[in-house]
Amino acid sequence: MSGQQNVQRPLDALGKAINSPVLIKLKGEREFRGILKSFDLHMNLVLNDAEELEKGEIMRRLGTVLIRGDNIVYISP
């Protein structure tokens, strides 16, 4: 049982990323970067200072955005 103390649930890891920069990849090869402000059980995310990226380059600055969880491929801190 002691080996299970280090096991985290996915939402626990996401909770540790609150107020930190994250990189979000969506279906359709779209990427966004911003400060994670909040999330819910469906992994809907609110990002502040969000930027849309294409091939690692900033395409446009968006400010505050809501990203729907069912479009997310991955979230990277």
N, C-alpha and C. Protein backbone atom coordinates (compact mmCIF):
# COMPACT_ATOMS: atom_id res chain seq x y z
N MET A 1 0.79 -1.20 0.00
CA MET A 1 0.00 0.00 0.00
C MET A 1 0.83 1.26 0.00
N SER A 2 2.02 1.22 0.55
CA SER A 2 2.84 2.42 0.62
C SER A 2 3.24 2.91 -0.77
N GLY A 3 3.29 2.03 -1.77
CA GLY A 3 3.63 2.44 -3.13
C GLY A 3 2.54 3.28 -3.77
N GLN A 4 1.32 3.20 -3.27
CA GLN A 4 0.22 3.94 -3.85
C GLN A 4 0.12 5.37 -3.34
N GLN A 5 0.92 5.76 -2.39
CA GLN A 5 0.86 7.11 -1.85
C GLN A 5 1.31 8.15 -2.88
N ASN A 6 2.14 7.77 -3.83
CA ASN A 6 2.62 8.70 -4.84
C ASN A 6 1.71 8.78 -6.06
N VAL A 7 0.68 7.93 -6.13
CA VAL A 7 -0.24 7.92 -7.25
C VAL A 7 -1.13 9.15 -7.19
N GLN A 8 -1.22 9.85 -8.33
CA GLN A 8 -2.06 11.04 -8.40
C GLN A 8 -3.19 10.81 -9.38
N ARG A 9 -4.31 11.42 -9.12
CA ARG A 9 -5.39 11.42 -10.09
C ARG A 9 -5.11 12.56 -11.07
N PRO A 10 -5.57 12.43 -12.31
CA PRO A 10 -5.30 13.47 -13.31
C PRO A 10 -5.73 14.87 -12.87
N LEU A 11 -6.88 15.00 -12.24
CA LEU A 11 -7.33 16.32 -11.82
C LEU A 11 -6.49 16.89 -10.68
N ASP A 12 -5.86 16.00 -9.88
CA ASP A 12 -4.94 16.49 -8.85
C ASP A 12 -3.73 17.16 -9.50
N ALA A 13 -3.20 16.54 -10.55
CA ALA A 13 -2.05 17.11 -11.26
C ALA A 13 -2.45 18.44 -11.90
N LEU A 14 -3.66 18.50 -12.45
CA LEU A 14 -4.12 19.74 -13.06
C LEU A 14 -4.29 20.83 -12.01
N GLY A 15 -4.77 20.45 -10.83
CA GLY A 15 -4.93 21.41 -9.75
C GLY A 15 -3.63 22.05 -9.31
N LYS A 16 -2.54 21.29 -9.39
CA LYS A 16 -1.22 21.84 -9.04
C LYS A 16 -0.73 22.85 -10.07
N ALA A 17 -1.32 22.84 -11.27
CA ALA A 17 -0.91 23.76 -12.33
C ALA A 17 -1.69 25.07 -12.32
N ILE A 18 -2.62 25.24 -11.38
CA ILE A 18 -3.40 26.48 -11.30
C ILE A 18 -2.43 27.67 -11.12
N ASN A 19 -2.70 28.75 -11.84
CA ASN A 19 -1.89 29.98 -11.84
C ASN A 19 -0.49 29.77 -12.40
N SER A 20 -0.32 28.72 -13.20
CA SER A 20 0.96 28.44 -13.86
C SER A 20 0.74 28.41 -15.37
N PRO A 21 1.81 28.66 -16.14
CA PRO A 21 1.68 28.56 -17.60
C PRO A 21 1.49 27.10 -18.03
N VAL A 22 0.60 26.89 -19.00
CA VAL A 22 0.36 25.56 -19.56
C VAL A 22 0.31 25.66 -21.09
N LEU A 23 0.60 24.55 -21.73
CA LEU A 23 0.47 24.40 -23.18
C LEU A 23 -0.65 23.40 -23.42
N ILE A 24 -1.61 23.77 -24.24
CA ILE A 24 -2.78 22.93 -24.52
C ILE A 24 -2.78 22.59 -26.00
N LYS A 25 -2.87 21.30 -26.31
CA LYS A 25 -3.02 20.88 -27.71
C LYS A 25 -4.44 20.39 -27.89
N LEU A 26 -5.09 20.88 -28.95
CA LEU A 26 -6.47 20.52 -29.24
C LEU A 26 -6.55 19.65 -30.48
N LYS A 27 -7.69 19.01 -30.65
CA LYS A 27 -7.95 18.27 -31.89
C LYS A 27 -7.81 19.24 -33.05
N GLY A 28 -7.36 18.76 -34.18
CA GLY A 28 -7.18 19.63 -35.33
C GLY A 28 -5.84 20.35 -35.32
N GLU A 29 -4.92 19.89 -34.47
CA GLU A 29 -3.54 20.43 -34.42
C GLU A 29 -3.45 21.86 -33.91
N ARG A 30 -4.48 22.39 -33.25
CA ARG A 30 -4.41 23.74 -32.69
C ARG A 30 -3.73 23.69 -31.34
N GLU A 31 -2.93 24.71 -31.03
CA GLU A 31 -2.23 24.80 -29.75
C GLU A 31 -2.46 26.17 -29.13
N PHE A 32 -2.60 26.17 -27.80
CA PHE A 32 -2.77 27.40 -27.04
C PHE A 32 -1.83 27.37 -25.85
N ARG A 33 -1.38 28.55 -25.46
CA ARG A 33 -0.54 28.70 -24.27
C ARG A 33 -1.14 29.81 -23.44
N GLY A 34 -1.12 29.62 -22.11
CA GLY A 34 -1.65 30.66 -21.23
C GLY A 34 -1.53 30.24 -19.78
N ILE A 35 -2.05 31.07 -18.90
CA ILE A 35 -2.03 30.82 -17.46
C ILE A 35 -3.33 30.11 -17.09
N LEU A 36 -3.23 28.91 -16.53
CA LEU A 36 -4.41 28.15 -16.14
C LEU A 36 -5.04 28.80 -14.91
N LYS A 37 -6.28 29.27 -15.05
CA LYS A 37 -6.97 29.91 -13.94
C LYS A 37 -7.95 28.97 -13.25
N SER A 38 -8.63 28.13 -14.01
CA SER A 38 -9.58 27.20 -13.39
C SER A 38 -9.91 26.08 -14.36
N PHE A 39 -10.55 25.03 -13.80
CA PHE A 39 -11.00 23.89 -14.59
C PHE A 39 -12.15 23.23 -13.84
N ASP A 40 -12.87 22.36 -14.55
CA ASP A 40 -13.94 21.61 -13.90
C ASP A 40 -13.75 20.11 -14.14
N LEU A 41 -14.72 19.32 -13.72
CA LEU A 41 -14.61 17.87 -13.83
C LEU A 41 -14.59 17.38 -15.28
N HIS A 42 -15.08 18.19 -16.21
CA HIS A 42 -15.07 17.83 -17.63
C HIS A 42 -13.78 18.29 -18.31
N MET A 43 -12.87 18.85 -17.54
CA MET A 43 -11.61 19.42 -18.01
C MET A 43 -11.83 20.62 -18.93
N ASN A 44 -12.96 21.31 -18.77
CA ASN A 44 -13.10 22.62 -19.39
C ASN A 44 -12.12 23.53 -18.67
N LEU A 45 -11.37 24.32 -19.42
CA LEU A 45 -10.31 25.15 -18.85
C LEU A 45 -10.56 26.62 -19.10
N VAL A 46 -10.14 27.46 -18.17
CA VAL A 46 -10.09 28.90 -18.39
C VAL A 46 -8.61 29.28 -18.35
N LEU A 47 -8.16 29.93 -19.43
CA LEU A 47 -6.79 30.42 -19.53
C LEU A 47 -6.80 31.94 -19.58
N ASN A 48 -5.90 32.57 -18.85
CA ASN A 48 -5.66 34.01 -18.96
C ASN A 48 -4.41 34.22 -19.80
N ASP A 49 -4.31 35.39 -20.42
CA ASP A 49 -3.16 35.74 -21.27
C ASP A 49 -2.92 34.66 -22.32
N ALA A 50 -3.99 34.13 -22.90
CA ALA A 50 -3.89 33.03 -23.86
C ALA A 50 -3.35 33.51 -25.21
N GLU A 51 -2.57 32.64 -25.83
CA GLU A 51 -2.03 32.88 -27.16
C GLU A 51 -2.28 31.63 -27.99
N GLU A 52 -2.66 31.83 -29.25
CA GLU A 52 -2.79 30.71 -30.17
C GLU A 52 -1.45 30.54 -30.87
N LEU A 53 -0.95 29.31 -30.92
CA LEU A 53 0.34 29.02 -31.51
C LEU A 53 0.18 28.21 -32.79
N GLU A 54 1.12 28.43 -33.71
CA GLU A 54 1.22 27.59 -34.91
C GLU A 54 2.69 27.30 -35.13
N LYS A 55 3.04 26.04 -35.07
CA LYS A 55 4.44 25.59 -35.20
C LYS A 55 5.32 26.29 -34.17
N GLY A 56 4.80 26.49 -32.96
CA GLY A 56 5.55 27.10 -31.88
C GLY A 56 5.62 28.62 -31.90
N GLU A 57 5.08 29.24 -32.94
CA GLU A 57 5.10 30.70 -33.07
C GLU A 57 3.73 31.27 -32.71
N ILE A 58 3.72 32.44 -32.07
CA ILE A 58 2.46 33.09 -31.69
C ILE A 58 1.75 33.59 -32.94
N MET A 59 0.51 33.12 -33.13
CA MET A 59 -0.29 33.58 -34.26
C MET A 59 -1.17 34.77 -33.85
N ARG A 60 -1.75 34.67 -32.63
CA ARG A 60 -2.55 35.80 -32.13
C ARG A 60 -2.69 35.70 -30.62
N ARG A 61 -2.86 36.84 -30.01
CA ARG A 61 -3.07 36.92 -28.56
C ARG A 61 -4.57 37.05 -28.32
N LEU A 62 -5.07 36.24 -27.39
CA LEU A 62 -6.51 36.16 -27.21
C LEU A 62 -7.01 36.69 -25.87
N GLY A 63 -6.16 36.82 -24.88
CA GLY A 63 -6.61 37.25 -23.56
C GLY A 63 -7.17 36.08 -22.78
N THR A 64 -8.39 36.21 -22.24
CA THR A 64 -9.02 35.15 -21.46
C THR A 64 -9.88 34.28 -22.38
N VAL A 65 -9.68 32.96 -22.29
CA VAL A 65 -10.44 32.02 -23.13
C VAL A 65 -10.95 30.86 -22.29
N LEU A 66 -12.02 30.26 -22.78
CA LEU A 66 -12.56 29.03 -22.23
C LEU A 66 -12.34 27.95 -23.27
N ILE A 67 -11.69 26.87 -22.87
CA ILE A 67 -11.43 25.75 -23.78
C ILE A 67 -12.27 24.57 -23.32
N ARG A 68 -13.06 24.05 -24.21
CA ARG A 68 -13.95 22.93 -23.88
C ARG A 68 -13.14 21.64 -23.77
N GLY A 69 -13.35 20.91 -22.69
CA GLY A 69 -12.55 19.74 -22.36
C GLY A 69 -12.56 18.63 -23.39
N ASP A 70 -13.66 18.45 -24.12
CA ASP A 70 -13.70 17.33 -25.06
C ASP A 70 -12.88 17.58 -26.32
N ASN A 71 -12.31 18.78 -26.47
CA ASN A 71 -11.42 19.08 -27.59
C ASN A 71 -9.95 18.91 -27.26
N ILE A 72 -9.62 18.69 -25.99
CA ILE A 72 -8.23 18.66 -25.55
C ILE A 72 -7.58 17.31 -25.84
N VAL A 73 -6.41 17.35 -26.45
CA VAL A 73 -5.60 16.15 -26.67
C VAL A 73 -4.63 15.97 -25.50
N TYR A 74 -3.92 17.07 -25.14
CA TYR A 74 -3.06 17.04 -23.95
C TYR A 74 -2.88 18.41 -23.34
N ILE A 75 -2.45 18.40 -22.09
CA ILE A 75 -2.13 19.61 -21.32
C ILE A 75 -0.73 19.42 -20.76
N SER A 76 0.16 20.35 -21.03
CA SER A 76 1.53 20.24 -20.56
C SER A 76 1.90 21.46 -19.71
N PRO A 77 2.41 21.23 -18.49
CA PRO A 77 2.82 22.37 -17.66
C PRO A 77 4.09 23.02 -18.18
